[in-house]
PDB file of N, CA and C in Angstrom:
ATOM      1  N   MET A   1     -30.287   7.216  31.594  1.00  0.00           N
ATOM      2  CA  MET A   1     -31.109   6.424  32.362  1.00  0.00           C
ATOM      3  C   MET A   1     -30.391   5.684  33.633  1.00  0.00           C
ATOM      4  N   PRO A   2     -29.281   5.179  33.254  1.00  0.00           N
ATOM      5  CA  PRO A   2     -28.441   4.396  34.284  1.00  0.00           C
ATOM      6  C   PRO A   2     -28.200   5.376  35.530  1.00  0.00           C
ATOM      7  N   SER A   3     -27.824   6.613  35.303  1.00  0.00           N
ATOM      8  CA  SER A   3     -27.549   7.655  36.316  1.00  0.00           C
ATOM      9  C   SER A   3     -28.796   7.778  37.176  1.00  0.00           C
ATOM     10  N   THR A   4     -29.964   7.893  36.613  1.00  0.00           N
ATOM     11  CA  THR A   4     -31.237   8.140  37.427  1.00  0.00           C
ATOM     12  C   THR A   4     -31.508   6.941  38.221  1.00  0.00           C
ATOM     13  N   ALA A   5     -31.251   5.718  37.611  1.00  0.00           N
ATOM     14  CA  ALA A   5     -31.584   4.511  38.308  1.00  0.00           C
ATOM     15  C   ALA A   5     -30.584   4.324  39.499  1.00  0.00           C
ATOM     16  N   LEU A   6     -29.281   4.708  39.335  1.00  0.00           N
ATOM     17  CA  LEU A   6     -28.387   4.619  40.421  1.00  0.00           C
ATOM     18  C   LEU A   6     -28.830   5.695  41.509  1.00  0.00           C
ATOM     19  N   HIS A   7     -29.196   6.819  41.222  1.00  0.00           N
ATOM     20  CA  HIS A   7     -29.758   7.764  42.157  1.00  0.00           C
ATOM     21  C   HIS A   7     -30.950   7.223  42.935  1.00  0.00           C
ATOM     22  N   ARG A   8     -31.839   6.566  42.279  1.00  0.00           N
ATOM     23  CA  ARG A   8     -33.016   6.129  42.818  1.00  0.00           C
ATOM     24  C   ARG A   8     -32.661   4.944  43.814  1.00  0.00           C
ATOM     25  N   ARG A   9     -31.732   4.120  43.408  1.00  0.00           N
ATOM     26  CA  ARG A   9     -31.160   2.975  44.188  1.00  0.00           C
ATOM     27  C   ARG A   9     -30.560   3.423  45.521  1.00  0.00           C
ATOM     28  N   GLU A  10     -29.873   4.663  45.402  1.00  0.00           N
ATOM     29  CA  GLU A  10     -29.359   5.214  46.679  1.00  0.00           C
ATOM     30  C   GLU A  10     -30.393   5.617  47.678  1.00  0.00           C
ATOM     31  N   GLN A  11     -31.544   5.979  47.151  1.00  0.00           N
ATOM     32  CA  GLN A  11     -32.658   6.411  47.893  1.00  0.00           C
ATOM     33  C   GLN A  11     -33.408   5.200  48.553  1.00  0.00           C
ATOM     34  N   ASN A  12     -32.898   4.036  48.290  1.00  0.00           N
ATOM     35  CA  ASN A  12     -33.460   2.736  48.782  1.00  0.00           C
ATOM     36  C   ASN A  12     -34.801   2.443  48.186  1.00  0.00           C
ATOM     37  N   LEU A  13     -35.034   2.760  46.894  1.00  0.00           N
ATOM     38  CA  LEU A  13     -36.395   2.378  46.144  1.00  0.00           C
ATOM     39  C   LEU A  13     -36.206   1.005  45.706  1.00  0.00           C
ATOM     40  N   GLY A  14     -37.328   0.150  45.541  1.00  0.00           N
ATOM     41  CA  GLY A  14     -37.343  -1.018  45.048  1.00  0.00           C
ATOM     42  C   GLY A  14     -37.210  -0.966  43.486  1.00  0.00           C
ATOM     43  N   LEU A  15     -37.084  -2.181  42.929  1.00  0.00           N
ATOM     44  CA  LEU A  15     -36.813  -2.215  41.451  1.00  0.00           C
ATOM     45  C   LEU A  15     -38.140  -1.844  40.741  1.00  0.00           C
ATOM     46  N   ARG A  16     -39.332  -2.128  41.317  1.00  0.00           N
ATOM     47  CA  ARG A  16     -40.506  -1.661  40.598  1.00  0.00           C
ATOM     48  C   ARG A  16     -40.690  -0.225  40.775  1.00  0.00           C
ATOM     49  N   ASP A  17     -40.291   0.325  41.859  1.00  0.00           N
ATOM     50  CA  ASP A  17     -40.470   1.735  42.006  1.00  0.00           C
ATOM     51  C   ASP A  17     -39.447   2.587  40.847  1.00  0.00           C
ATOM     52  N   ILE A  18     -38.314   2.036  40.949  1.00  0.00           N
ATOM     53  CA  ILE A  18     -37.303   2.584  39.969  1.00  0.00           C
ATOM     54  C   ILE A  18     -37.873   2.432  38.593  1.00  0.00           C
ATOM     55  N   ALA A  19     -38.260   1.348  38.242  1.00  0.00           N
ATOM     56  CA  ALA A  19     -38.778   1.169  36.903  1.00  0.00           C
ATOM     57  C   ALA A  19     -40.012   2.073  36.502  1.00  0.00           C
ATOM     58  N   ALA A  20     -40.808   2.281  37.536  1.00  0.00           N
ATOM     59  CA  ALA A  20     -41.935   3.092  37.328  1.00  0.00           C
ATOM     60  C   ALA A  20     -41.718   4.592  37.175  1.00  0.00           C
ATOM     61  N   ARG A  21     -40.495   4.884  37.641  1.00  0.00           N
ATOM     62  CA  ARG A  21     -40.103   6.333  37.488  1.00  0.00           C
ATOM     63  C   ARG A  21     -39.218   6.665  36.332  1.00  0.00           C
ATOM     64  N   LEU A  22     -38.641   5.437  35.643  1.00  0.00           N
ATOM     65  CA  LEU A  22     -37.824   5.689  34.379  1.00  0.00           C
ATOM     66  C   LEU A  22     -38.710   5.734  33.135  1.00  0.00           C
ATOM     67  N   VAL A  23     -38.201   6.268  32.166  1.00  0.00           N
ATOM     68  CA  VAL A  23     -38.838   6.369  30.864  1.00  0.00           C
ATOM     69  C   VAL A  23     -37.828   6.243  29.783  1.00  0.00           C
ATOM     70  N   ASN A  24     -38.005   5.189  28.894  1.00  0.00           N
ATOM     71  CA  ASN A  24     -37.218   5.064  27.711  1.00  0.00           C
ATOM     72  C   ASN A  24     -37.245   6.323  26.782  1.00  0.00           C
ATOM     73  N   THR A  25     -36.091   6.958  26.437  1.00  0.00           N
ATOM     74  CA  THR A  25     -36.115   8.119  25.551  1.00  0.00           C
ATOM     75  C   THR A  25     -35.585   7.899  24.247  1.00  0.00           C
ATOM     76  N   LYS A  26     -35.265   6.585  23.874  1.00  0.00           N
ATOM     77  CA  LYS A  26     -34.722   6.304  22.512  1.00  0.00           C
ATOM     78  C   LYS A  26     -35.317   4.846  22.242  1.00  0.00           C
ATOM     79  N   GLY A  27     -35.305   4.581  20.997  1.00  0.00           N
ATOM     80  CA  GLY A  27     -35.475   3.287  20.580  1.00  0.00           C
ATOM     81  C   GLY A  27     -36.918   2.883  20.167  1.00  0.00           C
ATOM     82  N   LYS A  28     -37.278   1.664  19.983  1.00  0.00           N
ATOM     83  CA  LYS A  28     -38.522   1.209  19.609  1.00  0.00           C
ATOM     84  C   LYS A  28     -39.602   1.425  20.828  1.00  0.00           C
ATOM     85  N   LYS A  29     -39.222   1.338  21.902  1.00  0.00           N
ATOM     86  CA  LYS A  29     -40.136   1.470  23.284  1.00  0.00           C
ATOM     87  C   LYS A  29     -40.010   2.819  23.908  1.00  0.00           C
ATOM     88  N   LYS A  30     -39.710   3.867  23.082  1.00  0.00           N
ATOM     89  CA  LYS A  30     -39.763   5.269  23.469  1.00  0.00           C
ATOM     90  C   LYS A  30     -41.044   5.589  24.153  1.00  0.00           C
ATOM     91  N   GLY A  31     -40.788   6.192  25.383  1.00  0.00           N
ATOM     92  CA  GLY A  31     -42.013   6.813  26.104  1.00  0.00           C
ATOM     93  C   GLY A  31     -42.487   5.736  26.975  1.00  0.00           C
ATOM     94  N   ARG A  32     -41.949   4.562  27.036  1.00  0.00           N
ATOM     95  CA  ARG A  32     -42.550   3.370  27.765  1.00  0.00           C
ATOM     96  C   ARG A  32     -41.580   3.228  29.096  1.00  0.00           C
ATOM     97  N   HIS A  33     -42.050   2.562  30.061  1.00  0.00           N
ATOM     98  CA  HIS A  33     -41.239   2.368  31.285  1.00  0.00           C
ATOM     99  C   HIS A  33     -40.450   0.935  31.085  1.00  0.00           C
ATOM    100  N   PRO A  34     -39.154   0.951  31.439  1.00  0.00           N
ATOM    101  CA  PRO A  34     -38.586  -0.421  31.336  1.00  0.00           C
ATOM    102  C   PRO A  34     -39.126  -1.349  32.449  1.00  0.00           C
ATOM    103  N   SER A  35     -39.017  -2.560  32.182  1.00  0.00           N
ATOM    104  CA  SER A  35     -39.496  -3.632  33.243  1.00  0.00           C
ATOM    105  C   SER A  35     -38.480  -3.710  34.315  1.00  0.00           C
ATOM    106  N   PRO A  36     -38.875  -4.180  35.505  1.00  0.00           N
ATOM    107  CA  PRO A  36     -37.886  -4.316  36.539  1.00  0.00           C
ATOM    108  C   PRO A  36     -36.662  -5.199  36.431  1.00  0.00           C
ATOM    109  N   PRO A  37     -36.915  -6.353  35.501  1.00  0.00           N
ATOM    110  CA  PRO A  37     -35.793  -7.153  35.195  1.00  0.00           C
ATOM    111  C   PRO A  37     -34.757  -6.418  34.361  1.00  0.00           C
ATOM    112  N   THR A  38     -35.182  -5.474  33.542  1.00  0.00           N
ATOM    113  CA  THR A  38     -34.325  -4.794  32.841  1.00  0.00           C
ATOM    114  C   THR A  38     -33.532  -3.720  33.614  1.00  0.00           C
ATOM    115  N   VAL A  39     -34.185  -3.122  34.537  1.00  0.00           N
ATOM    116  CA  VAL A  39     -33.550  -2.195  35.504  1.00  0.00           C
ATOM    117  C   VAL A  39     -32.527  -3.006  36.310  1.00  0.00           C
ATOM    118  N   LEU A  40     -32.844  -4.142  36.815  1.00  0.00           N
ATOM    119  CA  LEU A  40     -31.938  -5.019  37.531  1.00  0.00           C
ATOM    120  C   LEU A  40     -30.695  -5.445  36.772  1.00  0.00           C
ATOM    121  N   ARG A  41     -30.882  -5.761  35.453  1.00  0.00           N
ATOM    122  CA  ARG A  41     -29.864  -6.068  34.562  1.00  0.00           C
ATOM    123  C   ARG A  41     -28.873  -4.867  34.376  1.00  0.00           C
ATOM    124  N   MET A  42     -29.460  -3.753  34.151  1.00  0.00           N
ATOM    125  CA  MET A  42     -28.761  -2.430  34.016  1.00  0.00           C
ATOM    126  C   MET A  42     -27.893  -2.109  35.235  1.00  0.00           C
ATOM    127  N   LEU A  43     -28.522  -2.261  36.439  1.00  0.00           N
ATOM    128  CA  LEU A  43     -27.702  -2.008  37.498  1.00  0.00           C
ATOM    129  C   LEU A  43     -26.690  -3.032  37.846  1.00  0.00           C
ATOM    130  N   ARG A  44     -26.918  -4.289  37.561  1.00  0.00           N
ATOM    131  CA  ARG A  44     -25.851  -5.294  37.721  1.00  0.00           C
ATOM    132  C   ARG A  44     -24.688  -5.012  36.852  1.00  0.00           C
ATOM    133  N   GLN A  45     -24.944  -4.689  35.544  1.00  0.00           N
ATOM    134  CA  GLN A  45     -23.903  -4.369  34.687  1.00  0.00           C
ATOM    135  C   GLN A  45     -23.042  -3.245  35.109  1.00  0.00           C
ATOM    136  N   HIS A  46     -23.637  -2.221  35.668  1.00  0.00           N
ATOM    137  CA  HIS A  46     -22.991  -1.046  36.208  1.00  0.00           C
ATOM    138  C   HIS A  46     -21.975  -1.603  37.358  1.00  0.00           C
ATOM    139  N   ASP A  47     -22.581  -2.325  38.317  1.00  0.00           N
ATOM    140  CA  ASP A  47     -21.850  -2.908  39.410  1.00  0.00           C
ATOM    141  C   ASP A  47     -20.606  -3.693  38.921  1.00  0.00           C
ATOM    142  N   GLU A  48     -20.825  -4.537  37.937  1.00  0.00           N
ATOM    143  CA  GLU A  48     -19.690  -5.443  37.557  1.00  0.00           C
ATOM    144  C   GLU A  48     -18.601  -4.584  36.832  1.00  0.00           C
ATOM    145  N   LYS A  49     -18.981  -3.481  36.144  1.00  0.00           N
ATOM    146  CA  LYS A  49     -18.004  -2.586  35.461  1.00  0.00           C
ATOM    147  C   LYS A  49     -17.280  -1.805  36.633  1.00  0.00           C
ATOM    148  N   ALA A  50     -17.959  -1.364  37.663  1.00  0.00           N
ATOM    149  CA  ALA A  50     -17.451  -0.645  38.790  1.00  0.00           C
ATOM    150  C   ALA A  50     -16.363  -1.574  39.550  1.00  0.00           C
ATOM    151  N   ALA A  51     -16.806  -2.840  39.713  1.00  0.00           N
ATOM    152  CA  ALA A  51     -15.993  -3.662  40.527  1.00  0.00           C
ATOM    153  C   ALA A  51     -14.695  -4.037  39.613  1.00  0.00           C
ATOM    154  N   ALA A  52     -14.759  -4.235  38.376  1.00  0.00           N
ATOM    155  CA  ALA A  52     -13.544  -4.333  37.519  1.00  0.00           C
ATOM    156  C   ALA A  52     -12.698  -3.207  37.399  1.00  0.00           C
ATOM    157  N   ALA A  53     -13.278  -2.043  37.439  1.00  0.00           N
ATOM    158  CA  ALA A  53     -12.435  -0.816  37.476  1.00  0.00           C
ATOM    159  C   ALA A  53     -11.680  -0.629  38.867  1.00  0.00           C
ATOM    160  N   SER A  54     -12.357  -1.011  39.992  1.00  0.00           N
ATOM    161  CA  SER A  54     -11.650  -0.880  41.211  1.00  0.00           C
ATOM    162  C   SER A  54     -10.592  -1.972  41.288  1.00  0.00           C
ATOM    163  N   VAL A  55     -10.759  -3.063  40.784  1.00  0.00           N
ATOM    164  CA  VAL A  55      -9.794  -4.207  40.855  1.00  0.00           C
ATOM    165  C   VAL A  55      -8.464  -3.758  40.011  1.00  0.00           C
ATOM    166  N   THR A  56      -8.799  -3.129  38.843  1.00  0.00           N
ATOM    167  CA  THR A  56      -7.649  -2.621  37.991  1.00  0.00           C
ATOM    168  C   THR A  56      -6.908  -1.476  38.723  1.00  0.00           C
ATOM    169  N   ALA A  57      -7.590  -0.459  39.433  1.00  0.00           N
ATOM    170  CA  ALA A  57      -7.010   0.625  39.943  1.00  0.00           C
ATOM    171  C   ALA A  57      -6.260   0.090  41.173  1.00  0.00           C
ATOM    172  N   THR A  58      -6.668  -0.986  41.970  1.00  0.00           N
ATOM    173  CA  THR A  58      -5.918  -1.525  42.987  1.00  0.00           C
ATOM    174  C   THR A  58      -4.571  -2.212  42.618  1.00  0.00           C
ATOM    175  N   ALA A  59      -4.751  -2.966  41.505  1.00  0.00           N
ATOM    176  CA  ALA A  59      -3.656  -3.567  40.825  1.00  0.00           C
ATOM    177  C   ALA A  59      -2.503  -2.638  40.490  1.00  0.00           C
ATOM    178  N   ASP A  60      -3.070  -1.556  39.883  1.00  0.00           N
ATOM    179  CA  ASP A  60      -2.073  -0.478  39.494  1.00  0.00           C
ATOM    180  C   ASP A  60      -1.385   0.130  40.582  1.00  0.00           C
ATOM    181  N   THR A  61      -2.217   0.400  41.550  1.00  0.00           N
ATOM    182  CA  THR A  61      -1.481   0.994  42.835  1.00  0.00           C
ATOM    183  C   THR A  61      -0.541   0.051  43.462  1.00  0.00           C
ATOM    184  N   GLN A  62      -0.834  -1.259  43.580  1.00  0.00           N
ATOM    185  CA  GLN A  62       0.038  -2.017  44.189  1.00  0.00           C
ATOM    186  C   GLN A  62       1.377  -2.250  43.297  1.00  0.00           C
ATOM    187  N   LEU A  63       1.181  -2.275  41.987  1.00  0.00           N
ATOM    188  CA  LEU A  63       2.291  -2.304  41.162  1.00  0.00           C
ATOM    189  C   LEU A  63       3.157  -1.149  41.332  1.00  0.00           C
ATOM    190  N   THR A  64       2.654   0.055  41.336  1.00  0.00           N
ATOM    191  CA  THR A  64       3.393   1.398  41.565  1.00  0.00           C
ATOM    192  C   THR A  64       4.086   1.301  42.815  1.00  0.00           C
ATOM    193  N   GLU A  65       3.545   0.809  43.811  1.00  0.00           N
ATOM    194  CA  GLU A  65       4.142   0.653  45.235  1.00  0.00           C
ATOM    195  C   GLU A  65       5.375  -0.246  45.239  1.00  0.00           C
ATOM    196  N   TYR A  66       5.327  -1.375  44.493  1.00  0.00           N
ATOM    197  CA  TYR A  66       6.273  -2.238  44.450  1.00  0.00           C
ATOM    198  C   TYR A  66       7.495  -1.755  43.644  1.00  0.00           C
ATOM    199  N   LEU A  67       7.248  -1.103  42.605  1.00  0.00           N
ATOM    200  CA  LEU A  67       8.348  -0.500  41.859  1.00  0.00           C
ATOM    201  C   LEU A  67       8.995   0.733  42.504  1.00  0.00           C
TER     202      LEU A  67
END
């Protein structure tokens, strides 16, 4: 589901549009659409992980260049 949400965000769709096109495939709410706040939370978590990974990669590159 996160990959689909990211793809929809790249197409400049709003949170409501993204949520309307996603469907939960597992769990208690299987077959239902996630709420826009859930989609926002999911995308924010992805962005935070990506930012942390880029900071780590940058620090590793700078350390390698220093040595």
